[in-house]
C-alpha atoms as a PDB file:
ATOM      1  CA  MET A   1      -2.786 -34.649   4.197  1.00  0.00           C
ATOM      2  CA  SER A   2      -2.915 -34.721   7.888  1.00  0.00           C
ATOM      3  CA  ARG A   3      -5.849 -33.050   9.971  1.00  0.00           C
ATOM      4  CA  ILE A   4      -4.065 -30.483  11.121  1.00  0.00           C
ATOM      5  CA  GLU A   5      -3.408 -29.703   7.202  1.00  0.00           C
ATOM      6  CA  ILE A   6      -6.670 -29.055   6.505  1.00  0.00           C
ATOM      7  CA  ILE A   7      -7.233 -26.180   9.054  1.00  0.00           C
ATOM      8  CA  PRO A   8      -5.014 -23.658   6.908  1.00  0.00           C
ATOM      9  CA  ASN A   9      -6.497 -25.265   3.873  1.00  0.00           C
ATOM     10  CA  ILE A  10     -10.007 -24.692   4.906  1.00  0.00           C
ATOM     11  CA  CYS A  11      -8.726 -20.761   4.732  1.00  0.00           C
ATOM     12  CA  THR A  12      -7.484 -21.526   1.794  1.00  0.00           C
ATOM     13  CA  ALA A  13     -10.358 -22.821   0.068  1.00  0.00           C
ATOM     14  CA  ALA A  14     -12.420 -19.714   1.669  1.00  0.00           C
ATOM     15  CA  ASN A  15      -9.692 -17.411   0.130  1.00  0.00           C
ATOM     16  CA  MET A  16     -10.438 -18.936  -3.508  1.00  0.00           C
ATOM     17  CA  LEU A  17     -14.499 -19.048  -2.716  1.00  0.00           C
ATOM     18  CA  LEU A  18     -14.802 -15.377  -2.120  1.00  0.00           C
ATOM     19  CA  GLY A  19     -12.475 -14.655  -5.148  1.00  0.00           C
ATOM     20  CA  VAL A  20     -14.689 -16.241  -7.277  1.00  0.00           C
ATOM     21  CA  THR A  21     -17.576 -14.340  -5.971  1.00  0.00           C
ATOM     22  CA  ALA A  22     -15.760 -11.542  -6.302  1.00  0.00           C
ATOM     23  CA  ILE A  23     -15.948 -12.173 -10.233  1.00  0.00           C
ATOM     24  CA  ALA A  24     -19.343 -13.053  -9.664  1.00  0.00           C
ATOM     25  CA  LYS A  25     -20.393  -9.636  -8.265  1.00  0.00           C
ATOM     26  CA  VAL A  26     -18.358  -8.051 -10.911  1.00  0.00           C
ATOM     27  CA  LEU A  27     -20.438  -9.762 -13.418  1.00  0.00           C
ATOM     28  CA  ASP A  28     -23.644  -8.755 -11.378  1.00  0.00           C
ATOM     29  CA  HIS A  29     -22.000  -5.232 -11.603  1.00  0.00           C
ATOM     30  CA  ASN A  30     -21.709  -4.556  -8.006  1.00  0.00           C
ATOM     31  CA  TYR A  31     -18.533  -3.515  -7.655  1.00  0.00           C
ATOM     32  CA  HIS A  32     -18.519  -2.609  -3.946  1.00  0.00           C
ATOM     33  CA  LEU A  33     -19.229  -5.872  -2.828  1.00  0.00           C
ATOM     34  CA  SER A  34     -16.548  -7.040  -5.105  1.00  0.00           C
ATOM     35  CA  VAL A  35     -13.959  -4.768  -3.980  1.00  0.00           C
ATOM     36  CA  ILE A  36     -15.056  -5.955  -0.437  1.00  0.00           C
ATOM     37  CA  LEU A  37     -15.146  -9.456  -1.256  1.00  0.00           C
ATOM     38  CA  ILE A  38     -11.413  -9.371  -2.427  1.00  0.00           C
ATOM     39  CA  LEU A  39     -10.559  -7.340   0.940  1.00  0.00           C
ATOM     40  CA  LEU A  40     -12.016 -10.635   3.143  1.00  0.00           C
ATOM     41  CA  ALA A  41     -10.138 -12.966   0.910  1.00  0.00           C
ATOM     42  CA  ALA A  42      -6.475 -11.189   1.850  1.00  0.00           C
ATOM     43  CA  PHE A  43      -7.431 -11.318   5.289  1.00  0.00           C
ATOM     44  CA  THR A  44      -8.157 -15.160   5.024  1.00  0.00           C
ATOM     45  CA  ASP A  45      -4.933 -15.316   2.472  1.00  0.00           C
ATOM     46  CA  ARG A  46      -3.358 -13.826   5.852  1.00  0.00           C
ATOM     47  CA  ILE A  47      -4.789 -15.876   7.984  1.00  0.00           C
ATOM     48  CA  ASP A  48      -3.980 -19.935   6.209  1.00  0.00           C
ATOM     49  CA  GLY A  49      -0.341 -18.634   6.273  1.00  0.00           C
ATOM     50  CA  ILE A  50      -0.113 -17.968  10.044  1.00  0.00           C
ATOM     51  CA  LEU A  51      -2.177 -21.111  10.719  1.00  0.00           C
ATOM     52  CA  ALA A  52       0.009 -23.399   8.887  1.00  0.00           C
ATOM     53  CA  ARG A  53       2.796 -21.983  10.579  1.00  0.00           C
ATOM     54  CA  HIS A  54       1.100 -22.231  13.923  1.00  0.00           C
ATOM     55  CA  CYS A  55      -0.066 -25.588  13.882  1.00  0.00           C
ATOM     56  CA  ASN A  56       3.437 -26.708  12.024  1.00  0.00           C
ATOM     57  CA  ALA A  57       1.276 -27.594   8.904  1.00  0.00           C
ATOM     58  CA  VAL A  58       2.976 -25.988   6.055  1.00  0.00           C
ATOM     59  CA  SER A  59       2.926 -28.476   3.125  1.00  0.00           C
ATOM     60  CA  ALA A  60       4.043 -28.653  -0.825  1.00  0.00           C
ATOM     61  CA  PHE A  61       0.324 -28.636  -1.407  1.00  0.00           C
ATOM     62  CA  GLY A  62      -0.880 -26.016   0.617  1.00  0.00           C
ATOM     63  CA  LYS A  63       1.330 -23.669  -0.674  1.00  0.00           C
ATOM     64  CA  GLU A  64       0.550 -24.661  -4.464  1.00  0.00           C
ATOM     65  CA  PHE A  65      -3.224 -24.625  -3.258  1.00  0.00           C
ATOM     66  CA  ASP A  66      -2.604 -21.330  -1.865  1.00  0.00           C
ATOM     67  CA  SER A  67      -0.860 -19.876  -5.294  1.00  0.00           C
ATOM     68  CA  LEU A  68      -3.999 -20.972  -7.446  1.00  0.00           C
ATOM     69  CA  ALA A  69      -5.868 -19.596  -4.851  1.00  0.00           C
ATOM     70  CA  ASP A  70      -3.703 -16.319  -4.709  1.00  0.00           C
ATOM     71  CA  LEU A  71      -3.943 -16.155  -8.852  1.00  0.00           C
ATOM     72  CA  ILE A  72      -7.987 -15.857  -8.420  1.00  0.00           C
ATOM     73  CA  SER A  73      -8.601 -13.752  -5.853  1.00  0.00           C
ATOM     74  CA  PHE A  74      -5.707 -11.318  -6.534  1.00  0.00           C
ATOM     75  CA  GLY A  75      -5.108 -11.587  -9.893  1.00  0.00           C
ATOM     76  CA  VAL A  76      -8.005 -12.471 -11.930  1.00  0.00           C
ATOM     77  CA  ALA A  77     -10.618 -10.640  -9.732  1.00  0.00           C
ATOM     78  CA  PRO A  78      -9.065  -7.475  -9.275  1.00  0.00           C
ATOM     79  CA  ALA A  79      -7.882  -7.448 -13.510  1.00  0.00           C
ATOM     80  CA  VAL A  80     -11.785  -8.358 -13.945  1.00  0.00           C
ATOM     81  CA  LEU A  81     -12.881  -5.771 -11.607  1.00  0.00           C
ATOM     82  CA  LEU A  82     -10.560  -3.584 -13.870  1.00  0.00           C
ATOM     83  CA  TYR A  83     -12.142  -4.171 -17.003  1.00  0.00           C
ATOM     84  CA  SER A  84     -15.480  -4.056 -15.861  1.00  0.00           C
ATOM     85  CA  SER A  85     -14.732  -0.547 -14.443  1.00  0.00           C
ATOM     86  CA  MET A  86     -13.748   0.575 -17.817  1.00  0.00           C
ATOM     87  CA  SER A  87     -15.725   3.154 -19.805  1.00  0.00           C
ATOM     88  CA  ASN A  88     -16.746   1.526 -23.497  1.00  0.00           C
ATOM     89  CA  LYS A  89     -14.180   3.390 -25.283  1.00  0.00           C
ATOM     90  CA  TRP A  90     -11.542   2.493 -23.190  1.00  0.00           C
ATOM     91  CA  ASN A  91     -12.339  -1.408 -23.584  1.00  0.00           C
ATOM     92  CA  LEU A  92      -9.074  -2.446 -25.959  1.00  0.00           C
ATOM     93  CA  ALA A  93      -6.335  -0.907 -23.276  1.00  0.00           C
ATOM     94  CA  GLY A  94      -8.907  -2.398 -20.283  1.00  0.00           C
ATOM     95  CA  LEU A  95      -8.267  -5.598 -21.968  1.00  0.00           C
ATOM     96  CA  VAL A  96      -4.884  -5.276 -22.314  1.00  0.00           C
ATOM     97  CA  CYS A  97      -4.380  -4.536 -18.815  1.00  0.00           C
ATOM     98  CA  PHE A  98      -6.270  -7.272 -17.717  1.00  0.00           C
ATOM     99  CA  GLY A  99      -3.781  -9.482 -19.330  1.00  0.00           C
ATOM    100  CA  VAL A 100      -1.203  -8.012 -18.060  1.00  0.00           C
ATOM    101  CA  PHE A 101      -2.182  -7.843 -14.579  1.00  0.00           C
ATOM    102  CA  THR A 102      -3.283 -11.388 -14.199  1.00  0.00           C
ATOM    103  CA  LEU A 103      -0.158 -12.459 -16.400  1.00  0.00           C
ATOM    104  CA  CYS A 104       2.204 -10.965 -13.880  1.00  0.00           C
ATOM    105  CA  GLY A 105       0.624 -12.024 -11.204  1.00  0.00           C
ATOM    106  CA  GLY A 106       0.873 -15.715 -12.258  1.00  0.00           C
ATOM    107  CA  LEU A 107       4.904 -15.141 -13.079  1.00  0.00           C
ATOM    108  CA  ARG A 108       4.987 -13.553  -9.676  1.00  0.00           C
ATOM    109  CA  LEU A 109       3.526 -16.736  -8.154  1.00  0.00           C
ATOM    110  CA  ALA A 110       5.431 -19.038  -9.859  1.00  0.00           C
ATOM    111  CA  ARG A 111       8.843 -17.467  -8.909  1.00  0.00           C
ATOM    112  CA  PHE A 112       7.536 -17.402  -5.077  1.00  0.00           C
ATOM    113  CA  ASN A 113       7.144 -21.284  -5.477  1.00  0.00           C
ATOM    114  CA  ILE A 114      10.546 -21.925  -6.218  1.00  0.00           C
ATOM    115  CA  SER A 115      12.392 -19.319  -4.358  1.00  0.00           C
ATOM    116  CA  SER A 116      13.585 -20.459  -1.274  1.00  0.00           C
ATOM    117  CA  ASN A 117      14.671 -16.804   0.442  1.00  0.00           C
ATOM    118  CA  PRO A 118      12.983 -16.760   3.906  1.00  0.00           C
ATOM    119  CA  TYR A 119      13.494 -13.281   4.746  1.00  0.00           C
ATOM    120  CA  PHE A 120      12.479 -11.391   1.915  1.00  0.00           C
ATOM    121  CA  PHE A 121       9.361 -11.531  -1.422  1.00  0.00           C
ATOM    122  CA  GLN A 122      10.777 -10.672  -4.710  1.00  0.00           C
ATOM    123  CA  GLY A 123       8.531  -8.087  -5.947  1.00  0.00           C
ATOM    124  CA  VAL A 124       5.303  -6.801  -4.367  1.00  0.00           C
ATOM    125  CA  PRO A 125       3.193  -9.940  -3.107  1.00  0.00           C
ATOM    126  CA  ILE A 126       0.505 -10.316  -5.475  1.00  0.00           C
ATOM    127  CA  THR A 127      -1.974 -10.328  -2.210  1.00  0.00           C
ATOM    128  CA  VAL A 128      -0.849  -6.668  -2.017  1.00  0.00           C
ATOM    129  CA  ALA A 129      -1.035  -5.645  -5.503  1.00  0.00           C
ATOM    130  CA  GLY A 130      -4.665  -6.968  -5.602  1.00  0.00           C
ATOM    131  CA  SER A 131      -6.274  -5.545  -2.796  1.00  0.00           C
ATOM    132  CA  ILE A 132      -4.129  -1.739  -3.822  1.00  0.00           C
ATOM    133  CA  LEU A 133      -5.747  -2.326  -6.936  1.00  0.00           C
ATOM    134  CA  ALA A 134      -9.513  -3.213  -6.097  1.00  0.00           C
ATOM    135  CA  ILE A 135      -8.889   0.048  -3.732  1.00  0.00           C
ATOM    136  CA  ILE A 136      -7.966   2.271  -6.307  1.00  0.00           C
ATOM    137  CA  ILE A 137     -10.824   0.821  -8.555  1.00  0.00           C
ATOM    138  CA  PHE A 138     -13.202   1.447  -5.481  1.00  0.00           C
ATOM    139  CA  LEU A 139     -11.746   5.225  -4.861  1.00  0.00           C
ATOM    140  CA  VAL A 140     -10.810   6.093  -8.109  1.00  0.00           C
ATOM    141  CA  HIS A 141     -13.695   6.620 -10.972  1.00  0.00           C
ATOM    142  CA  ASN A 142     -10.721   7.750 -13.790  1.00  0.00           C
ATOM    143  CA  PRO A 143     -10.139   4.690 -16.148  1.00  0.00           C
ATOM    144  CA  ALA A 144      -6.549   6.417 -16.930  1.00  0.00           C
ATOM    145  CA  ILE A 145      -5.262   6.603 -13.685  1.00  0.00           C
ATOM    146  CA  ILE A 146      -6.888   3.281 -12.985  1.00  0.00           C
ATOM    147  CA  MET A 147      -5.264   1.638 -15.744  1.00  0.00           C
ATOM    148  CA  VAL A 148      -1.669   2.967 -15.157  1.00  0.00           C
ATOM    149  CA  SER A 149      -1.900   1.926 -11.866  1.00  0.00           C
ATOM    150  CA  GLY A 150      -3.044  -1.456 -12.334  1.00  0.00           C
ATOM    151  CA  PHE A 151       0.207  -1.979 -15.231  1.00  0.00           C
ATOM    152  CA  ILE A 152       2.657  -0.233 -12.469  1.00  0.00           C
ATOM    153  CA  LEU A 153       1.374  -2.543  -9.872  1.00  0.00           C
ATOM    154  CA  ALA A 154       1.772  -5.605 -12.475  1.00  0.00           C
ATOM    155  CA  LEU A 155       5.392  -4.529 -13.084  1.00  0.00           C
ATOM    156  CA  ALA A 156       5.793  -4.251  -9.340  1.00  0.00           C
ATOM    157  CA  MET A 157       4.456  -7.816  -9.283  1.00  0.00           C
ATOM    158  CA  ILE A 158       7.446  -8.403 -11.259  1.00  0.00           C
ATOM    159  CA  SER A 159      10.269  -6.372 -10.524  1.00  0.00           C
ATOM    160  CA  THR A 160      13.186  -7.469  -8.710  1.00  0.00           C
ATOM    161  CA  VAL A 161      12.659  -5.290  -5.658  1.00  0.00           C
ATOM    162  CA  ARG A 162      13.630  -7.045  -1.881  1.00  0.00           C
ATOM    163  CA  ILE A 163      10.775  -7.204   0.111  1.00  0.00           C
ATOM    164  CA  PRO A 164      11.052  -8.109   3.840  1.00  0.00           C
ATOM    165  CA  LYS A 165       8.255 -10.759   4.880  1.00  0.00           C
ATOM    166  CA  ILE A 166       6.523  -9.963   8.131  1.00  0.00           C
END
């Protein structure tokens, strides 16, 4: 890895650490801070891609590292937040939604890593889905709405909808 490749990978590492910290904050029942950390992770995820292209430091390692960080920050962290926000009577449904959202996020990232379309994403990017889910959990306090939103976003990630890259 060249020195210039380290710059975007530092942003990717920050993304991952923000996601892990968001999970820790959910375990501490600090849901608001968890949402903020997920959104900060989305910002660092956007910056790492810009830096990689600007520095001509796009690499296979960076792509894989970015996907692992994204799965933690925008797949697992929002899913943990969703599960934890469910009241006791919704535990099983929350657990199922946790699993489905995380699984669909992983499938979305695997498909992205083998795609070669430079103009379109297939399915909603995990960064978008995870960030939206975190915001919904922050704003809505109805477990049924949160869970339905989680399922819809999970399915949107694995859909065949083409979304232009910006």
